Amino acid sequence: MAEPLFRRIALIGIGLIGSSVARIAMERGDIAAEVVANARTEATLDRVRALGIAHRTELDAARAVEGADLVMLCAPVGAYAGLAAAIAPHLAPGAILTDVGSTKQSVIRDVGPHVPPGVHFIPAHPLAGTEHSGPDAGFATLFEGRWTLLTPPAGSDPDAVERVAELWRRCGSNVQRMDAAHHDRVLAIVSHLPHLIAFTICGTADDLEEESRQEVLRFAASGFRDFTRIAASDPVMWRDVFLNNREALLEMLARFTEDAQAMARAVRWGDADYIEDRVERGRKIRRSLIELNQA
């Protein structure tokens, strides 16, 4: 077996992503010699212990990071500033601090000022997930064939960047570096806007008259069911994502709104060519996803 990348990793938050990393690290043995899990409640840590997905659990984040050479923030991004302030005095010299948040400019803004000298801060974002949350939601193949984007600030230590990249490669990910601002614009259209639309559509359905709402649920076609799967995602996590990527999200929402209005005009005036073109473009994107093994 290869030498473990890290002596000890501390996972601050043990939901879908954190518990998946924990499972992989425990199964492989070449990611960390010791896995420490932190959560906000003792009940969650009881579940972690029952699942056997960490060597040690700590309710106090500051205690969890002591002696760790890799610390991974796996909580909702809105909690990062408070967590960074709490753990900063306890980070070991030379340690790597990374994360899995879906917004990257806000992470650099909120965490960066707390990082002590000698600690390497390498933000990251694995593009993988399901609508489920909590330590039971994780699984060891979550990241297989998916992308993880690294957004290290200028001047980051190349060896630290490579160690984080190698961690994600051992988790099964493809890895690419990306500027944080560019990351946030890309994710606004491929992830954040689709979630916003899904939550909104489900809210619209829920606001219908009772009889209509029951029929919507009873006769839901696959399209609506797909929206409900997305809309079942963790509300705190997505609240924080929307608020911490508001500029890029609002820009993409404005562009989508213009396109939706154009489609509405085509439907109103019977512009069959426009409608067919838009449907065909959707089919083309779907085919491209399948060819890239990202479907």
Protein backbone atom coordinates (compact mmCIF):
# COMPACT_ATOMS: atom_id res chain seq x y z
CA MET A 1 0.00 0.00 0.00
CA ALA A 2 1.24 3.51 -0.80
CA GLU A 3 2.32 5.77 2.04
CA PRO A 4 -0.65 7.82 3.29
CA LEU A 5 -0.76 11.35 1.91
CA PHE A 6 -1.52 12.73 5.37
CA ARG A 7 -0.90 11.62 8.92
CA ARG A 8 -4.21 12.99 10.13
CA ILE A 9 -7.13 14.62 8.35
CA ALA A 10 -9.80 16.54 10.23
CA LEU A 11 -13.21 16.78 8.57
CA ILE A 12 -15.13 19.78 9.90
CA GLY A 13 -18.66 18.74 9.04
CA ILE A 14 -19.61 15.16 8.21
CA GLY A 15 -22.55 15.38 5.81
CA LEU A 16 -22.74 13.93 2.30
CA ILE A 17 -19.32 15.16 1.13
CA GLY A 18 -17.47 14.85 4.43
CA SER A 19 -18.78 11.36 5.15
CA SER A 20 -17.94 10.23 1.60
CA VAL A 21 -14.35 11.45 2.00
CA ALA A 22 -14.24 9.71 5.38
CA ARG A 23 -15.46 6.43 3.92
CA ILE A 24 -12.90 6.56 1.10
CA ALA A 25 -10.07 7.42 3.49
CA MET A 26 -11.02 4.59 5.85
CA GLU A 27 -11.35 2.07 3.01
CA ARG A 28 -8.21 2.98 1.04
CA GLY A 29 -5.71 3.61 3.80
CA ASP A 30 -3.44 5.65 1.51
CA ILE A 31 -5.14 9.01 2.12
CA ALA A 32 -4.72 9.36 5.87
CA ALA A 33 -3.39 7.31 8.76
CA GLU A 34 -6.06 8.86 11.00
CA VAL A 35 -9.49 10.37 10.21
CA VAL A 36 -11.02 12.78 12.72
CA ALA A 37 -14.66 13.82 12.28
CA ASN A 38 -16.29 16.92 13.73
CA ALA A 39 -20.00 17.79 13.78
CA ARG A 40 -22.29 20.29 15.49
CA THR A 41 -24.17 17.70 17.57
CA GLU A 42 -23.27 14.69 19.63
CA ALA A 43 -26.12 12.81 17.94
CA THR A 44 -24.40 13.16 14.57
CA LEU A 45 -21.11 11.98 16.03
CA ASP A 46 -22.89 9.01 17.62
CA ARG A 47 -24.00 8.07 14.11
CA VAL A 48 -20.46 8.50 12.76
CA ARG A 49 -19.18 6.13 15.43
CA ALA A 50 -21.93 3.63 14.67
CA LEU A 51 -21.06 3.73 10.98
CA GLY A 52 -17.34 3.33 11.71
CA ILE A 53 -16.30 6.02 9.23
CA ALA A 54 -13.73 7.81 11.42
CA HIS A 55 -11.00 6.83 13.83
CA ARG A 56 -11.95 9.60 16.26
CA THR A 57 -14.76 12.12 16.71
CA GLU A 58 -14.67 15.58 18.29
CA LEU A 59 -17.58 17.89 19.06
CA ASP A 60 -15.20 20.87 19.38
CA ALA A 61 -13.81 21.93 15.99
CA ALA A 62 -10.73 23.46 17.63
CA ARG A 63 -9.85 20.11 19.23
CA ALA A 64 -10.57 18.27 15.99
CA VAL A 65 -7.95 20.19 14.01
CA GLU A 66 -5.13 19.89 16.57
CA GLY A 67 -2.21 17.99 15.04
CA ALA A 68 -3.95 17.51 11.69
CA ASP A 69 -1.83 18.05 8.59
CA LEU A 70 -5.01 18.39 6.47
CA VAL A 71 -8.15 20.19 7.62
CA MET A 72 -11.18 20.08 5.31
CA LEU A 73 -14.16 22.38 5.87
CA CYS A 74 -17.29 20.43 4.88
CA ALA A 75 -19.96 22.66 6.44
CA PRO A 76 -22.34 25.09 4.65
CA VAL A 77 -20.28 28.01 3.30
CA GLY A 78 -22.16 30.50 5.47
CA ALA A 79 -20.53 28.93 8.53
CA TYR A 80 -16.97 29.19 7.22
CA ALA A 81 -16.02 32.57 8.72
CA GLY A 82 -16.97 31.48 12.23
CA LEU A 83 -15.32 28.10 11.83
CA ALA A 84 -12.12 29.62 10.46
CA ALA A 85 -11.90 32.02 13.38
CA ALA A 86 -12.45 29.18 15.86
CA ILE A 87 -9.89 26.77 14.43
CA ALA A 88 -7.18 29.19 13.25
CA PRO A 89 -5.23 29.33 16.55
CA HIS A 90 -5.18 25.54 16.69
CA LEU A 91 -3.94 24.77 13.15
CA ALA A 92 -0.55 23.06 13.05
CA PRO A 93 2.32 24.87 11.31
CA GLY A 94 2.64 23.53 7.76
CA ALA A 95 -0.91 22.15 7.75
CA ILE A 96 -3.12 22.42 4.67
CA LEU A 97 -6.56 24.00 5.07
CA THR A 98 -9.01 23.17 2.29
CA ASP A 99 -12.77 22.99 1.80
CA VAL A 100 -15.55 21.59 -0.41
CA GLY A 101 -17.78 24.66 -0.74
CA SER A 102 -19.78 25.44 -3.87
CA THR A 103 -18.78 29.13 -3.87
CA LYS A 104 -15.12 30.07 -3.98
CA GLN A 105 -14.77 33.87 -3.87
CA SER A 106 -16.76 33.95 -0.62
CA VAL A 107 -14.61 31.16 0.84
CA ILE A 108 -11.42 33.08 0.07
CA ARG A 109 -13.04 36.24 1.49
CA ASP A 110 -14.29 34.58 4.70
CA VAL A 111 -11.51 32.11 5.46
CA GLY A 112 -8.41 33.73 4.00
CA PRO A 113 -7.97 36.48 6.63
CA HIS A 114 -7.97 33.90 9.44
CA VAL A 115 -5.29 31.59 7.99
CA PRO A 116 -2.15 31.79 10.14
CA PRO A 117 1.30 32.21 8.58
CA GLY A 118 2.76 28.85 7.64
CA VAL A 119 -0.64 27.23 6.98
CA HIS A 120 -1.47 26.53 3.32
CA PHE A 121 -4.98 27.51 2.22
CA ILE A 122 -6.12 25.57 -0.89
CA PRO A 123 -9.87 25.96 -1.61
CA ALA A 124 -11.51 23.16 -3.59
CA HIS A 125 -14.93 22.11 -4.85
CA PRO A 126 -15.84 18.51 -5.76
CA LEU A 127 -18.62 18.63 -8.36
CA ALA A 128 -20.52 15.67 -6.99
CA GLY A 129 -23.51 15.24 -4.78
CA THR A 130 -27.03 13.97 -4.27
CA GLU A 131 -30.12 15.46 -2.67
CA HIS A 132 -29.39 13.57 0.57
CA SER A 133 -27.49 14.88 3.58
CA GLY A 134 -26.01 13.68 6.84
CA PRO A 135 -23.38 11.02 7.61
CA ASP A 136 -25.59 8.21 6.30
CA ALA A 137 -25.80 9.88 2.89
CA GLY A 138 -22.14 9.43 1.94
CA PHE A 139 -20.73 6.62 -0.18
CA ALA A 140 -17.26 5.69 -1.34
CA THR A 141 -17.89 6.03 -5.09
CA LEU A 142 -19.47 9.52 -4.97
CA PHE A 143 -16.53 11.21 -6.69
CA GLU A 144 -15.71 8.53 -9.28
CA GLY A 145 -15.27 10.17 -12.70
CA ARG A 146 -16.44 13.56 -11.39
CA TRP A 147 -14.49 16.80 -11.41
CA THR A 148 -12.93 18.58 -8.46
CA LEU A 149 -11.97 22.20 -9.08
CA LEU A 150 -9.10 23.75 -7.13
CA THR A 151 -8.99 27.55 -6.74
CA PRO A 152 -5.73 28.24 -4.88
CA PRO A 153 -5.02 31.93 -4.23
CA ALA A 154 -2.05 33.54 -5.97
CA GLY A 155 1.23 32.52 -4.40
CA SER A 156 -0.03 29.21 -3.01
CA ASP A 157 2.60 26.59 -2.28
CA PRO A 158 2.78 24.26 -5.32
CA ASP A 159 3.44 21.18 -3.17
CA ALA A 160 0.34 21.89 -1.05
CA VAL A 161 -1.76 22.34 -4.19
CA GLU A 162 -0.49 19.04 -5.57
CA ARG A 163 -1.20 17.19 -2.32
CA VAL A 164 -4.81 18.38 -2.34
CA ALA A 165 -5.08 17.45 -6.03
CA GLU A 166 -3.70 13.98 -5.28
CA LEU A 167 -6.18 13.51 -2.44
CA TRP A 168 -9.04 14.10 -4.85
CA ARG A 169 -7.48 11.88 -7.51
CA ARG A 170 -7.33 9.08 -4.93
CA CYS A 171 -11.02 9.76 -4.24
CA GLY A 172 -11.69 9.07 -7.93
CA SER A 173 -11.96 12.66 -9.20
CA ASN A 174 -10.58 14.38 -12.23
CA VAL A 175 -8.86 17.57 -11.04
CA GLN A 176 -8.54 21.00 -12.63
CA ARG A 177 -7.37 24.39 -11.38
CA MET A 178 -9.60 27.41 -11.95
CA ASP A 179 -9.74 31.07 -11.00
CA ALA A 180 -12.21 31.60 -8.13
CA ALA A 181 -14.28 34.26 -9.93
CA HIS A 182 -14.51 32.12 -13.06
CA HIS A 183 -15.52 29.14 -10.93
CA ASP A 184 -18.39 31.10 -9.41
CA ARG A 185 -19.72 32.18 -12.83
CA VAL A 186 -19.53 28.64 -14.22
CA LEU A 187 -21.24 27.12 -11.18
CA ALA A 188 -23.92 29.80 -11.26
CA ILE A 189 -25.23 28.40 -14.55
CA VAL A 190 -24.50 24.68 -14.20
CA SER A 191 -25.54 24.24 -10.56
CA HIS A 192 -26.85 27.23 -8.66
CA LEU A 193 -29.42 28.46 -11.21
CA PRO A 194 -30.88 24.95 -11.80
CA HIS A 195 -31.37 24.57 -8.05
CA LEU A 196 -32.99 28.00 -7.79
CA ILE A 197 -35.38 27.09 -10.61
CA ALA A 198 -36.19 23.71 -9.02
CA PHE A 199 -36.97 25.26 -5.64
CA THR A 200 -39.13 27.88 -7.35
CA ILE A 201 -41.10 25.40 -9.47
CA CYS A 202 -41.82 23.24 -6.45
CA GLY A 203 -42.88 26.34 -4.54
CA THR A 204 -45.24 27.28 -7.37
CA ALA A 205 -46.77 23.80 -7.28
CA ASP A 206 -47.13 23.96 -3.51
CA ASP A 207 -49.00 27.29 -3.78
CA LEU A 208 -51.68 25.90 -6.10
CA GLU A 209 -55.25 25.37 -4.94
CA GLU A 210 -55.43 22.18 -2.86
CA GLU A 211 -57.19 20.10 -5.53
CA SER A 212 -54.73 21.12 -8.25
CA ARG A 213 -51.75 20.56 -5.94
CA GLN A 214 -52.86 17.01 -5.16
CA GLU A 215 -53.23 16.30 -8.88
CA VAL A 216 -49.76 17.69 -9.52
CA LEU A 217 -48.34 15.26 -6.98
CA ARG A 218 -50.48 12.31 -8.09
CA PHE A 219 -49.82 12.67 -11.81
CA ALA A 220 -46.28 14.09 -11.68
CA ALA A 221 -44.44 13.37 -14.91
CA SER A 222 -40.72 12.64 -15.03
CA GLY A 223 -39.83 16.30 -15.63
CA PHE A 224 -41.49 17.47 -12.43
CA ARG A 225 -40.12 14.49 -10.50
CA ASP A 226 -36.60 15.48 -11.57
CA PHE A 227 -37.19 18.97 -10.19
CA THR A 228 -38.45 17.55 -6.89
CA ARG A 229 -35.28 15.46 -6.53
CA ILE A 230 -33.13 18.60 -6.85
CA ALA A 231 -35.49 20.53 -4.57
CA ALA A 232 -35.04 17.94 -1.81
CA SER A 233 -31.50 19.24 -1.23
CA ASP A 234 -30.32 20.69 2.07
CA PRO A 235 -31.98 24.11 2.60
CA VAL A 236 -29.24 25.63 4.77
CA MET A 237 -26.51 24.68 2.31
CA TRP A 238 -28.38 26.15 -0.65
CA ARG A 239 -29.43 29.29 1.23
CA ASP A 240 -25.74 29.93 1.86
CA VAL A 241 -24.75 29.15 -1.74
CA PHE A 242 -27.32 31.59 -3.16
CA LEU A 243 -26.37 34.39 -0.77
CA ASN A 244 -22.62 33.89 -1.25
CA ASN A 245 -22.72 33.81 -5.06
CA ARG A 246 -25.47 36.38 -5.50
CA GLU A 247 -23.85 38.50 -8.22
CA ALA A 248 -23.10 35.65 -10.61
CA LEU A 249 -26.40 33.92 -9.79
CA LEU A 250 -28.47 37.05 -10.40
CA GLU A 251 -26.64 37.66 -13.68
CA MET A 252 -27.41 34.13 -14.90
CA LEU A 253 -31.01 34.40 -13.64
CA ALA A 254 -31.46 37.62 -15.65
CA ARG A 255 -30.14 35.91 -18.79
CA PHE A 256 -32.39 32.91 -18.18
CA THR A 257 -35.38 35.19 -17.62
CA GLU A 258 -34.78 36.89 -20.98
CA ASP A 259 -34.57 33.50 -22.70
CA ALA A 260 -37.71 32.28 -20.91
CA GLN A 261 -39.58 35.38 -22.08
CA ALA A 262 -38.38 34.75 -25.64
CA MET A 263 -39.69 31.19 -25.42
CA ALA A 264 -43.00 32.50 -24.04
CA ARG A 265 -43.30 34.85 -27.04
CA ALA A 266 -42.61 31.94 -29.39
CA VAL A 267 -45.35 29.87 -27.76
CA ARG A 268 -47.77 32.82 -27.77
CA TRP A 269 -47.23 33.62 -31.45
CA GLY A 270 -46.82 30.08 -32.69
CA ASP A 271 -43.13 30.37 -33.66
CA ALA A 272 -42.62 26.65 -34.20
CA ASP A 273 -39.09 27.05 -35.62
CA TYR A 274 -37.85 28.87 -32.51
CA ILE A 275 -39.39 26.29 -30.18
CA GLU A 276 -37.95 23.37 -32.15
CA ASP A 277 -34.50 25.03 -32.22
CA ARG A 278 -34.49 25.44 -28.43
CA VAL A 279 -35.56 21.85 -27.87
CA GLU A 280 -32.87 20.61 -30.26
CA ARG A 281 -30.22 22.67 -28.47
CA GLY A 282 -31.26 21.00 -25.21
CA ARG A 283 -30.93 17.58 -26.84
CA LYS A 284 -27.48 18.54 -28.11
CA ILE A 285 -26.28 19.52 -24.63
CA ARG A 286 -27.61 16.23 -23.25
CA ARG A 287 -25.74 14.26 -25.91
CA SER A 288 -22.55 16.15 -25.12
CA LEU A 289 -22.89 15.33 -21.42
CA ILE A 290 -23.32 11.66 -22.21
CA GLU A 291 -20.24 11.68 -24.46
CA LEU A 292 -18.23 13.26 -21.63
CA ASN A 293 -19.45 10.64 -19.13
CA GLN A 294 -20.97 13.42 -17.01
CA ALA A 295 -24.63 12.39 -17.39
